[in-house]
Structure formats: structure tokens, C-alpha cells
């Protein structure tokens, strides 16, 4: 069966003889990351970025549209800009920064709300749960550089725990970054929205974390310190490296009576991982996953090309996929719906291409169709949403250099990143009094960088004091508009937030 497919895919004279000469060169786009275009005889245009898995300065991460999992869409190019020069937690330390080299669109999403389907893990923060008891969960890249395609998962009832460390009392929580229901305890991270978006009822506890909100299995846990508590007041702001424990009805009783400002808490999450049959235990673990999102058809399993009877897998369409072997991770985008230039691929054809042209052993698809987009060093390199472009102009030539690029907004994306060393300014120090220096207003953010939500804007001359930042990030170099600057956490009395160094002066200077 596979030999027959190969003949159809490659042609009777051998595939390599039909690949356009321009396809034959890998171009380095960053140390350890290469890019290549393939022009295939179907015809098809295929765009591939590959990353060395063991390169010490490279990692993967995900992005979420508009920086909020509560709902919204954004182009892949805009998400790449959003994640560029942003601090990360790679090597289990906050403060190194991202350089986005390659990015592709992520998983399917609700077109009405912009909320991605399945789950997502971003910079080690578990920001959306993967669906329970589905045959496939998604992609995972862990802090120890393991990469795998997840099988069936289940969040064990009663084992998603908040531990009140002073008394060792435990309380289960009901969800992550979803609207809070009656008698529920929901955990909100800073990737949810600027605030919890809750009503003025129940109780909300703000916790400053010692590490990201990552998946940790008991007895291990993510720990943090309670820094604020709001009873009967909703929509709590969620700063960087904080979570909010938000409870209503009967679920609020434990937080109200047991948890106090200054207390230490721990959080453990048990995720049972099984193969696609949802019965056989999987050897792969989601513990300390750094980046993850949903995935679709797994077209290549341990070098075996898979076949499907689903029409969505059989028809040729634009495709976005991820493949890998022991050495490389590949991002793959195929243009489609262009009968003269690129017709798209089926899942079997993706498997054949990934195995025989890239040497991959595993591969799975992400969202495809008009969403399929690849960005390399800030530029879209393929031709997304061609169907929409053709509807407007039936006379578009087959020459891809003359085609207009029309990007579609999507809910999330997957990225290859160069990790740059942490850089810290010594201009100010904890406890030092400062003034806002702008001639007009100064923006205060929920985290160190303009990728975080805006907290407020304040006039020039506002006095504040530099905080002793819990994560050791005061003075960290991070994104500032289209450039970068050093960032300081400042206590202005009635609120606290992050201000770029260029907007601050020492009091009395």
C-alpha cells in the first residue's frame, strides 16, 4: 500500500529528479535553525524550518492571540512580534529573552470566541487544560528537551490540589483559566486576561509564585506566597508570575478561613497519560512541560506512515504540521487551493514527505486550510488564505512572487526561539525612591515588558519605591514597544507595577 502511495506522490521517475533546483538548499536563519523551500511535482510549495533539538541556545514555545487565552485572534506574524524580546523561564530561570526565528499557526479554535480547542502550555505555564479522554492530546516540549505527541490524558479527580502549607490542609480546584461557575474554585494565570473577569462575589486570593504554574505531580508542587486577598470583590488583576485562586459558594469557605496574607501554598496537578486507546499507560510524562498545544492527525508514528478514512485527512488542502526525529524538529507548511501552483497535501502525503524528504520519524498536523502560515524572522514566507485571495481576483497568476499575502487571525501559534542571556541593569536598587520622568504620562504594566497587559497610566512626577522583586528580575532587559529597555517593579502606594527604565529618574536627581 505504501509503495503505491509513494509512486503516486513522487512520480514514476523518482522524486528527487522532479524537485526544483531552488528547493535543494537549506538556508541558515539562526545558529541551529535552517529554512528550506520545496517545489514538488504535484504541484506543491512546501516550506520547512528545522531546529537542532540539542542546541543549547534554542527552545520551542507557544503564543496566544492578544496575549490572553480568554478569547481572541491574531496573525502569526503579530504573535511572533508579541513574543520577541520577551523574558522566558528556559533552563528554569526567569530573565533570559526570546528571539523568535520561526513560527507557525497553532491548533483549531472556536471561530466565535477565539478560544483554542484542546490545551496549551506557554513558557511552562499550564494556561488551558487538554481535553480529558480524547484519543490524542497534543504536542509537548519539556524542560529537559523531550519532545513527544501526547496520547489520551485525564486530569485525575481529587488530585488537582492546592496545599495550604502552614497546616497541610488541601483543597481541590476545578479548572484553569475558564469562567468561574457556582461552587467552583478556578485558578487564573496572567495569560488568561488582565483580570479574572469575575463578578463581585466569592473570594479571590493573589499568589506570587516561585516558578511558573507548571505541571507538577504530588509530592512535588509549584509553591508561592499569598500577597493579597479580596472578599466580595471580583476582577482581580493578574500580574506576571502570579496566579489568582478564585472561589464562589461552598468552594470559597476553605480560602476564606484557612488562607491568609503571607501564607505559603503549593499546587500539584496529576495528569494520567495513556496511549490513544485511553487504557494503556504511556511512558511519556507531562511533568515540567515548557510548551504544548493541541494536535490533529498523527500521520507518522515511529517511521510508519498512517492511513485515514476521515475526509479531512484524505483531501488535499493547505497544511501546517510538526515532525521530528532524534536530531531535529521540523515545522512544515504546505500552500494549497492553487491548482496551478500548489494543490495542498493529504495526511498520507504529509507522512511520505516528512519521512522520505526530511527523515522524520514522527509527525502530526496542526490547524490547516486558510490558517496555514509560516513566519521566518518576522516575514510571512508562504501564501496563506489563498482561497480568499482567489475569490477577490480570479486572474491571480500562478507565480507565487506576484501573489498577495492575506494572513488570517488564529488563536495560538508554535515558535522556534533563540534564547539570549539574562541582562540586568544596576541603575536603581530595591528601596530606592524614584519619580516618573515622562513629560506626559507613563505606562505601568503587569509584567516586565510591553507584551504584558497595561495596568494604568500615570502622570510625570509620580513618586514610587523600587520593590525587592521576588523573582530577581528588577532591572531585567525585555521588550519595550518595537525595541527593548530595562524594567523595574515599582510600588506607587495604591498600586504596584512594572515601568521601563527610560521613564524613571532617581528622586532628588
Protein backbone atom coordinates (compact mmCIF):
# COMPACT_ATOMS: atom_id res chain seq x y z
CA UNK A 1 0.00 0.00 0.00
CA UNK A 2 2.74 2.46 0.96
CA UNK A 3 4.74 1.67 -2.20
CA UNK A 4 1.69 2.53 -4.27
CA UNK A 5 1.32 5.82 -2.40
CA UNK A 6 4.99 6.61 -2.99
CA UNK A 7 4.56 6.14 -6.74
CA UNK A 8 1.57 8.48 -6.77
CA UNK A 9 3.38 11.04 -4.64
CA UNK A 10 6.85 11.01 -6.08
CA UNK A 11 6.20 10.05 -9.67
CA UNK A 12 7.48 7.05 -11.58
CA UNK A 13 10.88 8.58 -12.35
CA UNK A 14 11.89 9.17 -8.72
CA UNK A 15 11.04 12.10 -6.53
CA UNK A 16 14.45 13.77 -6.42
CA UNK A 17 14.50 14.22 -10.20
CA UNK A 18 11.34 16.35 -10.02
CA UNK A 19 12.29 18.68 -7.19
CA UNK A 20 13.04 22.18 -8.46
CA UNK A 21 16.70 23.18 -8.10
CA UNK A 22 15.76 26.10 -5.84
CA UNK A 23 14.49 23.52 -3.35
CA UNK A 24 17.82 21.85 -2.81
CA UNK A 25 19.48 24.27 -0.37
CA UNK A 26 18.99 24.65 3.39
CA UNK A 27 19.47 28.26 4.45
CA UNK A 28 20.67 29.06 7.97
CA UNK A 29 18.31 31.56 9.62
CA UNK A 30 19.89 31.33 13.09
CA UNK A 31 22.57 29.12 14.66
CA UNK A 32 20.98 25.66 14.74
CA UNK A 33 17.89 26.67 12.72
CA UNK A 34 17.58 26.22 8.94
CA UNK A 35 14.88 27.05 6.39
CA UNK A 36 14.15 25.46 3.02
CA UNK A 37 11.53 25.72 0.26
CA UNK A 38 10.49 22.62 -1.68
CA UNK A 39 8.81 22.83 -5.10
CA UNK A 40 7.18 19.46 -5.71
CA UNK A 41 5.66 17.98 -8.89
CA UNK A 42 2.03 17.75 -7.67
CA UNK A 43 2.49 20.82 -7.89
CA UNK A 44 3.14 21.90 -4.30
CA UNK A 45 5.09 24.58 -2.48
CA UNK A 46 6.33 23.36 0.91
CA UNK A 47 8.11 25.50 3.50
CA UNK A 48 10.18 23.84 6.23
CA UNK A 49 12.05 25.19 9.24
CA UNK A 50 14.17 22.73 11.19
CA UNK A 51 15.70 23.14 14.65
CA UNK A 52 18.51 21.16 16.25
CA UNK A 53 16.95 19.55 19.34
CA UNK A 54 20.10 19.58 21.47
CA UNK A 55 21.33 23.09 20.61
CA UNK A 56 21.90 24.80 23.99
CA UNK A 57 20.58 28.20 22.87
CA UNK A 58 17.37 27.01 21.21
CA UNK A 59 13.94 26.14 22.50
CA UNK A 60 10.27 25.97 21.50
CA UNK A 61 7.38 27.94 22.95
CA UNK A 62 3.78 28.80 22.19
CA UNK A 63 2.00 32.13 21.93
CA UNK A 64 -1.63 33.01 22.48
CA UNK A 65 -3.50 35.60 20.42
CA UNK A 66 -3.62 39.06 22.00
CA UNK A 67 -1.76 37.60 24.99
CA UNK A 68 -4.97 36.23 26.51
CA UNK A 69 -6.47 32.75 26.50
CA UNK A 70 -9.89 34.24 27.38
CA UNK A 71 -10.51 34.65 23.65
CA UNK A 72 -9.26 36.50 20.60
CA UNK A 73 -7.47 36.01 17.30
CA UNK A 74 -4.29 37.49 15.88
CA UNK A 75 -1.99 36.81 12.95
CA UNK A 76 1.02 34.55 13.41
CA UNK A 77 3.26 37.46 12.49
CA UNK A 78 1.71 39.62 15.24
CA UNK A 79 2.15 36.81 17.78
CA UNK A 80 5.81 36.46 16.76
CA UNK A 81 6.28 40.19 17.40
CA UNK A 82 4.47 39.80 20.72
CA UNK A 83 6.91 37.08 21.86
CA UNK A 84 10.12 38.70 20.58
CA UNK A 85 12.47 40.10 23.28
CA UNK A 86 10.17 38.67 25.96
CA UNK A 87 11.63 37.13 29.13
CA UNK A 88 11.34 33.37 29.49
CA UNK A 89 11.89 30.56 32.01
CA UNK A 90 14.15 28.38 29.90
CA UNK A 91 16.78 26.49 31.94
CA UNK A 92 14.45 27.01 34.92
CA UNK A 93 15.46 30.64 35.44
CA UNK A 94 13.42 33.76 34.75
CA UNK A 95 15.06 36.52 32.76
CA UNK A 96 16.59 35.15 29.56
CA UNK A 97 14.92 36.57 26.45
CA UNK A 98 13.40 35.23 23.24
CA UNK A 99 14.42 35.84 19.67
CA UNK A 100 11.63 34.44 17.52
CA UNK A 101 13.17 32.77 14.48
CA UNK A 102 10.30 30.72 13.04
CA UNK A 103 6.60 30.49 13.86
CA UNK A 104 3.58 28.61 12.53
CA UNK A 105 -0.11 28.74 13.32
CA UNK A 106 -1.31 26.51 16.14
CA UNK A 107 -4.38 24.38 16.72
CA UNK A 108 -8.05 24.74 15.76
CA UNK A 109 -10.15 27.25 17.68
CA UNK A 110 -13.71 28.40 18.24
CA UNK A 111 -14.28 30.95 15.48
CA UNK A 112 -16.92 32.78 17.53
CA UNK A 113 -14.88 33.21 20.72
CA UNK A 114 -11.28 32.84 19.55
CA UNK A 115 -10.62 30.30 22.31
CA UNK A 116 -8.31 27.49 21.14
CA UNK A 117 -9.51 23.91 21.22
CA UNK A 118 -7.67 21.39 23.36
CA UNK A 119 -4.96 22.64 25.73
CA UNK A 120 -1.97 24.92 25.81
CA UNK A 121 1.24 25.31 27.81
CA UNK A 122 3.21 28.54 27.39
CA UNK A 123 6.61 29.25 28.95
CA UNK A 124 5.99 26.36 31.40
CA UNK A 125 2.63 27.84 32.48
CA UNK A 126 -0.34 25.48 32.08
CA UNK A 127 -2.81 28.02 30.69
CA UNK A 128 -5.51 25.74 29.25
CA UNK A 129 -6.27 22.13 30.10
CA UNK A 130 -6.06 19.45 27.45
CA UNK A 131 -9.35 17.66 26.92
CA UNK A 132 -9.93 14.58 29.04
CA UNK A 133 -10.22 11.15 27.44
CA UNK A 134 -9.67 12.13 23.82
CA UNK A 135 -7.52 9.78 21.74
CA UNK A 136 -4.91 12.49 21.26
CA UNK A 137 -3.97 15.48 23.42
CA UNK A 138 -1.25 17.47 21.72
CA UNK A 139 2.42 18.32 21.36
CA UNK A 140 4.76 18.63 24.33
CA UNK A 141 8.28 20.07 24.68
CA UNK A 142 9.69 19.67 28.18
CA UNK A 143 12.37 21.50 30.15
CA UNK A 144 14.70 18.52 29.65
CA UNK A 145 14.28 18.77 25.83
CA UNK A 146 11.97 15.82 25.41
CA UNK A 147 9.51 16.24 22.53
CA UNK A 148 6.50 13.99 22.02
CA UNK A 149 3.00 13.71 20.61
CA UNK A 150 0.66 13.19 23.55
CA UNK A 151 -1.92 10.44 23.73
CA UNK A 152 -5.05 10.30 25.85
CA UNK A 153 -4.92 12.31 29.10
CA UNK A 154 -7.08 12.53 32.18
CA UNK A 155 -6.94 15.10 34.97
CA UNK A 156 -7.47 12.81 37.93
CA UNK A 157 -10.48 13.94 40.02
CA UNK A 158 -9.45 14.95 43.51
CA UNK A 159 -5.77 15.13 42.55
CA UNK A 160 -5.68 18.72 41.31
CA UNK A 161 -4.74 20.13 44.69
CA UNK A 162 -3.98 23.38 46.47
CA UNK A 163 -1.99 22.69 49.64
CA UNK A 164 -2.07 25.20 52.50
CA UNK A 165 1.48 24.58 53.69
CA UNK A 166 1.25 26.02 57.24
CA UNK A 167 -1.46 23.48 58.14
CA UNK A 168 -1.05 20.89 55.35
CA UNK A 169 -4.77 21.28 54.58
CA UNK A 170 -5.70 20.60 50.94
CA UNK A 171 -8.43 21.79 48.64
CA UNK A 172 -9.11 20.67 45.08
CA UNK A 173 -9.56 23.12 42.23
CA UNK A 174 -11.99 22.73 39.34
CA UNK A 175 -10.29 24.32 36.36
CA UNK A 176 -7.72 26.66 34.87
CA UNK A 177 -8.47 29.93 33.07
CA UNK A 178 -12.19 29.31 32.47
CA UNK A 179 -15.19 31.36 33.62
CA UNK A 180 -15.88 30.57 37.27
CA UNK A 181 -19.13 28.72 37.91
CA UNK A 182 -21.20 28.28 41.04
CA UNK A 183 -19.41 26.49 43.92
CA UNK A 184 -16.16 26.30 41.96
CA UNK A 185 -12.52 27.12 42.62
CA UNK A 186 -10.74 28.23 39.44
CA UNK A 187 -7.06 29.15 39.06
CA UNK A 188 -6.29 32.11 36.81
CA UNK A 189 -2.85 32.82 35.35
CA UNK A 190 -1.56 36.04 33.79
CA UNK A 191 -2.18 34.52 30.33
CA UNK A 192 -5.95 34.47 30.96
CA UNK A 193 -6.56 38.22 30.71
CA UNK A 194 -5.60 41.39 32.54
CA UNK A 195 -8.06 40.41 35.29
CA UNK A 196 -10.09 37.37 36.30
CA UNK A 197 -13.21 38.93 34.71
CA UNK A 198 -15.28 37.71 37.68
CA UNK A 199 -18.27 39.28 39.42
CA UNK A 200 -18.07 40.89 42.86
CA UNK A 201 -18.86 37.77 44.81
CA UNK A 202 -16.92 34.93 46.34
CA UNK A 203 -13.25 35.35 47.25
CA UNK A 204 -10.04 35.84 45.28
CA UNK A 205 -6.53 35.19 46.59
CA UNK A 206 -3.48 36.61 44.79
CA UNK A 207 -0.40 34.36 44.99
CA UNK A 208 3.15 35.26 43.90
CA UNK A 209 4.78 32.11 42.54
CA UNK A 210 8.33 30.86 42.95
CA UNK A 211 8.22 29.29 39.47
CA UNK A 212 5.76 29.19 36.55
CA UNK A 213 2.41 27.44 37.01
CA UNK A 214 3.77 24.21 35.56
CA UNK A 215 2.51 20.64 35.74
CA UNK A 216 3.93 19.06 38.89
CA UNK A 217 2.92 15.70 40.32
CA UNK A 218 2.49 15.23 44.10
CA UNK A 219 4.50 15.18 46.31
CA UNK A 220 6.26 17.79 44.13
CA UNK A 221 4.45 21.09 43.74
CA UNK A 222 4.61 24.67 42.50
CA UNK A 223 4.92 26.96 45.52
CA UNK A 224 4.05 30.58 46.18
CA UNK A 225 3.20 33.24 48.75
CA UNK A 226 -0.22 34.82 49.36
CA UNK A 227 0.18 38.57 48.77
CA UNK A 228 -3.43 39.79 48.69
CA UNK A 229 -6.97 38.65 49.42
CA UNK A 230 -10.22 40.12 48.11
CA UNK A 231 -13.52 39.05 49.67
CA UNK A 232 -16.60 40.10 47.73
CA UNK A 233 -14.55 41.92 45.06
CA UNK A 234 -14.03 40.38 41.62
CA UNK A 235 -11.92 41.11 38.54
CA UNK A 236 -8.59 40.88 40.35
CA UNK A 237 -5.59 41.99 38.28
CA UNK A 238 -3.18 39.12 37.47
CA UNK A 239 0.46 40.27 37.35
CA UNK A 240 3.33 38.33 35.83
CA UNK A 241 4.48 35.34 37.99
CA UNK A 242 1.21 35.45 39.95
CA UNK A 243 -1.96 33.38 39.96
CA UNK A 244 -5.39 34.09 41.42
CA UNK A 245 -7.32 31.46 43.35
CA UNK A 246 -10.94 32.42 42.67
CA UNK A 247 -13.76 30.65 44.51
CA UNK A 248 -17.51 31.01 44.85
CA UNK A 249 -20.18 29.47 47.06
CA UNK A 250 -19.13 26.43 49.08
CA UNK A 251 -15.72 26.34 47.36
CA UNK A 252 -14.83 29.71 48.91
CA UNK A 253 -15.10 28.51 52.52
CA UNK A 254 -11.62 26.98 52.67
CA UNK A 255 -9.91 30.04 51.17
CA UNK A 256 -11.84 32.35 53.49
CA UNK A 257 -10.98 30.51 56.71
CA UNK A 258 -7.59 28.92 56.04
CA UNK A 259 -5.63 31.23 53.75
CA UNK A 260 -4.01 34.45 54.99
CA UNK A 261 -1.62 37.02 53.53
CA UNK A 262 1.95 35.79 53.94
CA UNK A 263 0.98 32.11 53.89
CA UNK A 264 2.84 29.64 51.69
CA UNK A 265 0.81 27.42 49.37
CA UNK A 266 1.63 24.61 46.97
CA UNK A 267 -0.16 23.34 43.87
CA UNK A 268 0.12 19.86 42.36
CA UNK A 269 -1.62 18.53 39.26
CA UNK A 270 -1.85 14.86 38.43
CA UNK A 271 -2.35 14.13 34.75
CA UNK A 272 -2.71 10.49 33.84
CA UNK A 273 -1.17 9.89 30.40
CA UNK A 274 -2.25 6.94 28.25
CA UNK A 275 -1.92 5.79 24.67
CA UNK A 276 -4.65 6.59 22.15
CA UNK A 277 -6.81 3.72 23.46
CA UNK A 278 -7.18 5.64 26.76
CA UNK A 279 -6.21 2.47 28.65
CA UNK A 280 -2.55 1.61 28.07
CA UNK A 281 -0.22 3.74 30.23
CA UNK A 282 2.13 6.00 28.26
CA UNK A 283 5.83 6.20 29.06
CA UNK A 284 5.81 9.94 28.30
CA UNK A 285 5.26 12.43 31.12
CA UNK A 286 3.77 15.93 31.00
CA UNK A 287 5.67 16.97 34.15
CA UNK A 288 7.57 20.23 33.60
CA UNK A 289 6.34 20.66 30.04
CA UNK A 290 7.59 24.01 28.76
CA UNK A 291 5.49 24.32 25.58
CA UNK A 292 2.43 22.43 24.41
CA UNK A 293 -0.70 22.79 22.31
CA UNK A 294 -3.34 20.66 20.63
CA UNK A 295 -2.61 18.50 17.59
CA UNK A 296 -4.71 16.78 14.94
CA UNK A 297 -3.98 13.73 12.76
CA UNK A 298 -0.74 11.92 13.64
CA UNK A 299 0.36 10.95 10.13
CA UNK A 300 3.74 9.43 11.04
CA UNK A 301 4.29 7.09 14.02
CA UNK A 302 7.71 5.63 14.69
CA UNK A 303 8.53 5.82 10.94
CA UNK A 304 5.21 4.22 9.94
CA UNK A 305 3.05 6.32 7.60
CA UNK A 306 -0.55 6.26 8.79
CA UNK A 307 -3.69 5.96 6.67
CA UNK A 308 -7.07 7.55 7.42
CA UNK A 309 -10.70 7.29 6.37
CA UNK A 310 -11.61 10.81 7.55
CA UNK A 311 -12.38 13.08 4.60
CA UNK A 312 -10.47 15.94 6.24
CA UNK A 313 -7.33 13.81 6.14
CA UNK A 314 -7.83 12.39 2.65
CA UNK A 315 -8.45 15.58 0.67
CA UNK A 316 -5.58 17.76 -0.44
CA UNK A 317 -5.55 21.04 1.49
CA UNK A 318 -3.14 23.66 2.81
CA UNK A 319 -1.42 22.08 5.80
CA UNK A 320 0.57 23.01 8.88
CA UNK A 321 2.42 20.19 10.61
CA UNK A 322 5.20 19.39 13.06
CA UNK A 323 7.54 16.44 12.59
CA UNK A 324 10.65 15.28 14.39
CA UNK A 325 13.39 12.72 14.76
CA UNK A 326 16.20 12.29 17.27
CA UNK A 327 18.13 15.23 15.83
CA UNK A 328 15.65 17.79 14.51
CA UNK A 329 12.20 19.28 14.98
CA UNK A 330 10.53 20.38 11.74
CA UNK A 331 7.82 22.99 11.14
CA UNK A 332 6.06 22.24 7.82
CA UNK A 333 3.63 24.46 5.90
CA UNK A 334 2.12 23.50 2.54
CA UNK A 335 0.35 26.04 0.33
CA UNK A 336 -2.88 24.81 -1.23
CA UNK A 337 -6.05 25.64 -3.17
CA UNK A 338 -3.92 26.93 -6.03
CA UNK A 339 -4.40 24.41 -8.85
CA UNK A 340 -1.53 25.78 -10.95
CA UNK A 341 0.99 26.42 -8.18
CA UNK A 342 0.23 24.33 -5.08
CA UNK A 343 -2.68 21.94 -4.60
CA UNK A 344 -2.01 21.01 -0.98
CA UNK A 345 -1.49 17.60 0.60
CA UNK A 346 -3.40 14.77 2.22
CA UNK A 347 -2.21 13.37 5.55
CA UNK A 348 -0.64 10.37 3.81
CA UNK A 349 1.28 12.69 1.51
CA UNK A 350 2.45 14.68 4.54
CA UNK A 351 3.69 11.43 6.05
CA UNK A 352 5.54 10.46 2.88
CA UNK A 353 7.14 13.90 2.60
CA UNK A 354 8.14 14.06 6.28
CA UNK A 355 9.63 10.58 6.28
CA UNK A 356 11.38 10.46 2.91
CA UNK A 357 12.41 14.10 2.36
CA UNK A 358 13.06 15.18 5.94
CA UNK A 359 13.99 11.92 7.61
CA UNK A 360 11.38 12.42 10.32
CA UNK A 361 10.11 9.50 12.40
CA UNK A 362 7.03 11.19 13.92
CA UNK A 363 4.65 13.82 12.61
CA UNK A 364 1.30 15.39 13.41
CA UNK A 365 -0.87 18.09 11.89
CA UNK A 366 -1.99 21.39 13.36
CA UNK A 367 -4.79 23.62 12.02
CA UNK A 368 -4.68 23.88 8.23
CA UNK A 369 -6.62 25.46 5.39
CA UNK A 370 -6.57 29.24 5.24
CA UNK A 371 -4.90 29.34 8.66
CA UNK A 372 -1.67 27.68 7.46
CA UNK A 373 1.06 30.28 7.93
CA UNK A 374 4.82 30.27 8.44
CA UNK A 375 6.78 33.31 9.63
CA UNK A 376 10.58 33.38 9.40
CA UNK A 377 12.45 36.23 11.10
CA UNK A 378 9.33 38.40 11.09
CA UNK A 379 8.24 37.76 7.49
CA UNK A 380 5.48 35.53 6.16
CA UNK A 381 7.16 33.11 3.74
CA UNK A 382 4.16 31.16 2.38
CA UNK A 383 0.86 32.26 0.84
CA UNK A 384 -1.89 31.85 3.46
CA UNK A 385 -5.63 32.04 2.85
CA UNK A 386 -5.26 31.76 -0.93
CA UNK A 387 -8.90 30.72 -1.33
CA UNK A 388 -9.98 34.14 -0.07
CA UNK A 389 -7.50 35.90 -2.34
CA UNK A 390 -8.73 33.99 -5.40
CA UNK A 391 -12.35 34.87 -4.64
CA UNK A 392 -11.42 38.52 -4.93
CA UNK A 393 -9.34 38.16 -8.08
CA UNK A 394 -9.73 35.11 -10.32
CA UNK A 395 -6.86 36.27 -12.54
CA UNK A 396 -4.11 35.93 -9.94
CA UNK A 397 -1.05 34.42 -11.68
CA UNK A 398 0.46 31.14 -10.54
CA UNK A 399 3.80 32.86 -9.93
CA UNK A 400 3.96 32.93 -6.09
CA UNK A 401 6.16 36.04 -6.14
CA UNK A 402 3.20 38.04 -7.50
CA UNK A 403 0.59 36.72 -5.08
CA UNK A 404 -0.77 38.97 -2.37
CA UNK A 405 -0.34 37.62 1.17
CA UNK A 406 -3.52 37.68 3.22
CA UNK A 407 -2.95 36.49 6.77
CA UNK A 408 -5.77 35.04 8.81
CA UNK A 409 -6.11 35.66 12.53
CA UNK A 410 -5.73 32.49 14.61
CA UNK A 411 -5.89 31.66 18.32
CA UNK A 412 -2.37 30.43 19.05
CA UNK A 413 0.96 29.57 17.48
CA UNK A 414 4.12 27.49 17.89
CA UNK A 415 7.59 29.03 17.70
CA UNK A 416 11.30 28.24 17.43
CA UNK A 417 13.32 30.58 19.63
CA UNK A 418 16.91 31.59 20.17
CA UNK A 419 17.45 32.13 23.91
CA UNK A 420 19.60 35.14 24.82
CA UNK A 421 21.35 35.56 28.19
CA UNK A 422 19.68 37.45 31.02
CA UNK A 423 20.80 41.09 31.28
CA UNK A 424 20.27 43.22 34.36
CA UNK A 425 20.67 46.98 34.91
CA UNK A 426 22.11 48.35 38.15
CA UNK A 427 20.75 51.90 37.71
CA UNK A 428 18.37 51.54 40.67
CA UNK A 429 18.19 49.28 43.70
CA UNK A 430 15.42 47.90 45.98
CA UNK A 431 14.10 50.51 48.40
CA UNK A 432 15.25 53.43 46.27
CA UNK A 433 12.74 56.24 45.66
CA UNK A 434 12.09 57.21 42.06
CA UNK A 435 9.90 59.59 40.07
CA UNK A 436 8.19 59.05 36.74
CA UNK A 437 10.12 61.10 34.23
CA UNK A 438 7.94 61.44 31.14
CA UNK A 439 6.71 64.86 30.08
CA UNK A 440 3.22 63.43 29.56
CA UNK A 441 2.21 60.07 31.03
CA UNK A 442 3.99 56.86 31.95
CA UNK A 443 2.53 53.43 31.28
CA UNK A 444 2.62 50.88 34.07
CA UNK A 445 2.40 47.21 33.06
CA UNK A 446 1.53 43.96 34.81
CA UNK A 447 4.93 42.50 33.95
CA UNK A 448 8.42 43.42 32.71
CA UNK A 449 7.67 44.19 29.08
CA UNK A 450 5.08 45.73 26.79
CA UNK A 451 3.84 42.22 25.97
CA UNK A 452 2.09 42.26 29.37
CA UNK A 453 -1.26 43.97 29.89
CA UNK A 454 -1.36 47.67 30.68
CA UNK A 455 -2.23 48.26 34.34
CA UNK A 456 -2.60 52.03 34.29
CA UNK A 457 -1.10 55.29 33.03
CA UNK A 458 0.21 57.88 35.49
CA UNK A 459 1.44 61.49 35.19
CA UNK A 460 5.02 62.67 35.31
CA UNK A 461 6.46 63.25 38.77
CA UNK A 462 4.65 60.37 40.46
CA UNK A 463 6.70 59.04 43.38
CA UNK A 464 7.35 55.36 43.91
CA UNK A 465 9.82 52.99 45.51
CA UNK A 466 11.67 50.14 43.79
CA UNK A 467 10.40 46.80 45.10
CA UNK A 468 12.60 43.88 46.10
CA UNK A 469 11.29 41.71 43.28
CA UNK A 470 10.60 38.13 44.34
CA UNK A 471 11.80 36.62 41.05
CA UNK A 472 15.07 38.58 40.93
CA UNK A 473 14.01 40.45 37.81
CA UNK A 474 14.38 44.09 38.80
CA UNK A 475 16.32 45.86 36.06
CA UNK A 476 15.80 43.00 33.57
CA UNK A 477 16.18 43.72 29.86
CA UNK A 478 12.94 42.96 27.97
CA UNK A 479 10.57 44.10 25.25
CA UNK A 480 9.70 47.79 25.08
CA UNK A 481 7.44 48.66 22.14
CA UNK A 482 9.46 47.82 19.00
CA UNK A 483 12.78 47.85 20.84
CA UNK A 484 13.81 46.92 24.38
CA UNK A 485 14.61 48.54 27.72
CA UNK A 486 15.34 47.61 31.31
CA UNK A 487 12.35 47.15 33.60
CA UNK A 488 11.70 47.87 37.29
CA UNK A 489 8.90 46.84 39.62
CA UNK A 490 7.73 49.95 41.44
CA UNK A 491 5.39 50.39 44.41
CA UNK A 492 3.39 53.58 43.90
CA UNK A 493 1.44 53.18 47.14
CA UNK A 494 -2.03 52.40 45.91
CA UNK A 495 -0.78 50.04 43.19
CA UNK A 496 2.34 48.21 42.06
CA UNK A 497 3.55 47.57 38.53
CA UNK A 498 6.41 47.49 36.03
CA UNK A 499 7.92 50.62 34.43
CA UNK A 500 10.67 50.83 31.83
CA UNK A 501 13.92 52.43 32.99
CA UNK A 502 13.73 55.28 30.49
CA UNK A 503 10.56 56.53 32.21
CA UNK A 504 12.13 56.71 35.70
CA UNK A 505 14.57 59.07 37.43
CA UNK A 506 16.08 58.91 40.89
CA UNK A 507 14.21 61.14 43.33
CA UNK A 508 16.27 64.22 44.06
CA UNK A 509 18.38 63.95 40.94
